[in-house]
Protein backbone atom coordinates (compact mmCIF):
# COMPACT_ATOMS: atom_id res chain seq x y z
CA UNK A 1 128.08 80.92 44.72
CA UNK A 2 126.87 81.01 48.30
CA UNK A 3 123.22 80.72 48.99
CA UNK A 4 121.67 82.20 52.34
CA UNK A 5 118.62 81.19 53.30
CA UNK A 6 116.46 83.67 55.79
CA UNK A 7 113.34 82.23 57.27
CA UNK A 8 111.05 83.70 59.31
CA UNK A 9 109.32 81.09 62.10
CA UNK A 10 106.07 79.88 61.51
CA UNK A 11 102.96 81.88 63.23
CA UNK A 12 103.29 82.06 67.03
CA UNK A 13 100.89 82.55 69.95
CA UNK A 14 101.46 86.06 70.27
CA UNK A 15 101.61 87.05 66.17
CA UNK A 16 98.05 85.50 66.62
CA UNK A 17 96.79 87.50 69.83
CA UNK A 18 98.69 90.71 68.52
CA UNK A 19 101.22 90.96 71.14
CA UNK A 20 104.85 92.32 70.50
CA UNK A 21 107.42 89.45 71.16
CA UNK A 22 110.57 90.75 70.91
CA UNK A 23 112.64 88.24 72.82
CA UNK A 24 110.16 86.91 75.02
CA UNK A 25 108.30 83.56 73.55
CA UNK A 26 105.31 81.65 73.86
CA UNK A 27 106.14 79.15 71.02
CA UNK A 28 104.33 78.57 67.55
CA UNK A 29 100.25 78.39 67.71
CA UNK A 30 98.96 75.46 65.84
CA UNK A 31 98.83 77.07 63.03
CA UNK A 32 102.52 77.97 63.08
CA UNK A 33 103.50 74.45 63.47
CA UNK A 34 101.66 73.46 60.09
CA UNK A 35 103.62 76.07 58.65
CA UNK A 36 107.01 74.83 59.97
CA UNK A 37 105.95 71.50 58.37
CA UNK A 38 105.67 72.78 55.44
CA UNK A 39 108.40 74.94 55.27
CA UNK A 40 110.76 72.65 56.39
CA UNK A 41 109.43 70.20 53.94
CA UNK A 42 110.16 72.15 51.07
CA UNK A 43 113.58 72.98 52.34
CA UNK A 44 114.55 69.58 53.01
CA UNK A 45 113.77 68.28 49.40
CA UNK A 46 115.34 71.44 47.59
CA UNK A 47 118.09 71.30 49.75
CA UNK A 48 119.24 68.16 51.26
CA UNK A 49 122.98 69.32 52.55
CA UNK A 50 122.26 72.71 53.84
CA UNK A 51 123.28 73.68 56.60
CA UNK A 52 120.83 74.90 59.45
CA UNK A 53 121.62 77.41 61.90
CA UNK A 54 118.65 78.91 64.19
CA UNK A 55 117.89 81.51 66.72
CA UNK A 56 117.64 80.20 70.58
CA UNK A 57 114.53 81.90 70.66
CA UNK A 58 111.31 78.81 71.36
CA UNK A 59 109.18 80.04 68.24
CA UNK A 60 112.14 79.56 65.92
CA UNK A 61 113.69 76.72 67.48
CA UNK A 62 110.52 74.78 66.72
CA UNK A 63 110.00 76.22 63.09
CA UNK A 64 113.14 74.54 62.48
CA UNK A 65 112.41 70.96 64.17
CA UNK A 66 110.71 69.42 60.89
CA UNK A 67 113.83 70.74 59.07
CA UNK A 68 116.24 69.04 61.01
CA UNK A 69 114.41 66.21 61.37
CA UNK A 70 114.34 65.86 57.61
CA UNK A 71 117.78 66.20 57.25
CA UNK A 72 118.91 64.20 60.07
CA UNK A 73 120.93 67.58 61.44
CA UNK A 74 121.49 68.60 64.46
CA UNK A 75 120.35 72.01 65.39
CA UNK A 76 123.36 75.24 65.66
CA UNK A 77 121.73 77.94 68.02
CA UNK A 78 122.82 81.84 67.35
CA UNK A 79 121.68 84.04 69.74
CA UNK A 80 122.75 86.70 67.66
CA UNK A 81 119.65 85.68 65.33
CA UNK A 82 117.15 87.03 67.87
CA UNK A 83 114.27 89.22 67.21
CA UNK A 84 115.01 92.89 68.45
CA UNK A 85 114.38 93.47 71.87
CA UNK A 86 111.61 95.41 72.72
CA UNK A 87 112.14 96.12 76.49
CA UNK A 88 109.33 96.84 78.56
CA UNK A 89 106.79 96.99 75.71
CA UNK A 90 107.52 92.90 75.29
CA UNK A 91 103.93 91.01 75.83
CA UNK A 92 101.66 94.15 75.33
CA UNK A 93 99.50 94.63 72.27
CA UNK A 94 100.41 97.34 70.26
CA UNK A 95 96.92 99.39 71.35
CA UNK A 96 98.00 98.91 75.12
CA UNK A 97 101.44 100.35 74.64
CA UNK A 98 99.34 103.58 72.76
CA UNK A 99 97.64 103.95 75.85
CA UNK A 100 100.06 103.43 78.36
CA UNK A 101 103.02 105.30 76.82
CA UNK A 102 101.46 107.46 73.75
CA UNK A 103 104.15 109.84 73.40
CA UNK A 104 106.78 107.25 73.00
CA UNK A 105 104.57 105.05 70.95
CA UNK A 106 103.82 108.25 68.58
CA UNK A 107 108.03 108.45 67.98
CA UNK A 108 108.37 105.01 67.39
CA UNK A 109 105.96 104.69 64.68
CA UNK A 110 107.13 108.11 63.09
CA UNK A 111 111.07 107.77 63.27
CA UNK A 112 111.80 104.19 64.35
CA UNK A 113 113.93 102.70 67.24
CA UNK A 114 115.10 105.18 69.08
CA UNK A 115 112.31 105.72 71.74
CA UNK A 116 113.05 101.62 72.16
CA UNK A 117 115.94 102.89 74.02
CA UNK A 118 114.26 104.68 76.48
CA UNK A 119 112.24 101.19 77.31
CA UNK A 120 114.83 99.36 77.65
CA UNK A 121 114.85 97.91 74.18
CA UNK A 122 117.74 97.97 71.08
CA UNK A 123 117.91 100.98 69.22
CA UNK A 124 118.43 101.16 65.73
CA UNK A 125 121.85 101.11 65.95
CA UNK A 126 122.35 98.48 68.69
CA UNK A 127 120.07 96.19 66.63
CA UNK A 128 121.53 96.36 63.17
CA UNK A 129 124.98 96.24 65.36
CA UNK A 130 124.28 92.91 65.99
CA UNK A 131 122.55 91.55 63.26
CA UNK A 132 124.39 93.04 60.09
CA UNK A 133 127.69 91.08 61.14
CA UNK A 134 126.04 87.85 61.99
CA UNK A 135 124.41 87.74 58.53
CA UNK A 136 127.70 88.59 56.86
CA UNK A 137 129.77 85.47 58.79
CA UNK A 138 126.83 83.12 57.50
CA UNK A 139 127.27 84.11 53.94
CA UNK A 140 131.36 84.05 54.47
CA UNK A 141 131.15 80.69 55.97
CA UNK A 142 128.44 79.25 53.52
CA UNK A 143 131.02 76.78 51.18
CA UNK A 144 131.13 77.75 47.72
CA UNK A 145 128.30 76.08 45.95
CA UNK A 146 126.54 75.69 49.40
CA UNK A 147 123.34 76.54 51.28
CA UNK A 148 123.05 77.96 54.82
CA UNK A 149 119.37 78.08 56.17
CA UNK A 150 118.94 80.94 58.94
CA UNK A 151 116.00 80.55 61.13
CA UNK A 152 115.02 83.93 62.22
CA UNK A 153 112.53 86.69 62.94
CA UNK A 154 110.81 88.90 60.71
CA UNK A 155 112.63 91.91 61.96
CA UNK A 156 116.15 90.53 62.10
CA UNK A 157 115.52 89.05 58.64
CA UNK A 158 113.72 92.51 57.42
CA UNK A 159 116.70 95.39 58.82
CA UNK A 160 119.41 92.45 58.20
CA UNK A 161 118.20 92.27 54.20
CA UNK A 162 118.33 96.27 53.75
CA UNK A 163 121.81 96.61 55.54
CA UNK A 164 123.94 93.91 53.83
CA UNK A 165 121.77 95.05 50.57
CA UNK A 166 122.55 99.07 51.11
CA UNK A 167 118.73 99.89 50.83
CA UNK A 168 116.67 102.83 52.51
CA UNK A 169 114.56 101.51 55.14
CA UNK A 170 111.44 100.50 53.54
CA UNK A 171 112.49 99.65 50.04
CA UNK A 172 111.19 95.94 50.47
CA UNK A 173 107.71 95.02 51.77
CA UNK A 174 106.33 92.57 54.83
CA UNK A 175 107.99 89.64 56.11
CA UNK A 176 105.06 86.93 56.06
CA UNK A 177 105.68 84.29 58.79
CA UNK A 178 107.51 80.72 56.93
CA UNK A 179 108.48 82.94 54.43
CA UNK A 180 111.65 82.30 52.41
CA UNK A 181 113.90 85.03 51.54
CA UNK A 182 117.55 84.41 49.79
CA UNK A 183 120.72 86.22 49.39
CA UNK A 184 123.67 85.41 47.26
CA UNK A 185 127.31 85.96 47.18
CA UNK A 186 129.53 85.09 44.75
CA UNK A 187 132.82 86.35 46.96
CA UNK A 188 131.25 85.65 50.73
CA UNK A 189 131.48 89.08 51.03
CA UNK A 190 128.90 91.21 48.29
CA UNK A 191 125.40 90.04 49.01
CA UNK A 192 122.68 90.25 46.43
CA UNK A 193 119.26 89.55 46.93
CA UNK A 194 117.75 86.09 44.97
CA UNK A 195 113.84 85.81 46.68
CA UNK A 196 112.28 88.00 49.01
CA UNK A 197 109.30 87.03 51.43
CA UNK A 198 108.64 84.08 49.42
CA UNK A 199 105.25 81.67 50.51
CA UNK A 200 104.76 79.61 47.39
CA UNK A 201 105.09 76.94 49.80
CA UNK A 202 102.25 77.17 52.02
CA UNK A 203 98.61 77.00 50.82
CA UNK A 204 96.49 80.52 50.26
CA UNK A 205 95.14 80.00 53.93
CA UNK A 206 98.30 79.77 55.37
CA UNK A 207 99.85 82.35 53.83
CA UNK A 208 97.17 85.46 54.10
CA UNK A 209 97.43 86.83 57.46
CA UNK A 210 94.28 86.69 58.83
CA UNK A 211 95.14 87.84 62.45
CA UNK A 212 96.60 91.04 63.49
CA UNK A 213 99.89 91.15 63.03
CA UNK A 214 102.38 91.81 65.94
CA UNK A 215 105.85 92.60 65.99
CA UNK A 216 107.89 89.78 65.69
């Protein structure tokens, strides 16, 4: 059996401020750095031989750092694991987008990502065409009996998991900061869900979303 563990980055500065990040990045907040330390320690203890692949964006690189240190491993960056691009909306709060671009924001909320293409972002089709092959490749190239840890983003994990499992959008819930989602494969091709949004490695005050959530 092959195991692919999808880890969302810790809380970022823009998560805490409620800003849409997409492919921009201000790095982790102090709270996010603690979350990264805890998820890294838990994964290193459970999977000391894991392969680690990381989105090239700073918030994921910082999240992976404690794990890589514990494993004495070198990071393998993969830009394919990046969050969805939100184009001109990146850096704005949701309230700012709703005020400046109400028609597109309404269409985005009602029907998903087609409106993003109009502001230079990735539509649903473009986003899925990028991330689904990456996750399938990571599963297929995980050694039999091995584990790959992929440190990525909420949107990448949420949309990618739905696609790999053939689930209707919205079947699964939220992807929290520093959570672990596990995909299993017995043949390197077909995937099954082992765990979703696991946050038991975090104490209660680091699990709850005290601050406004942002697209991640």
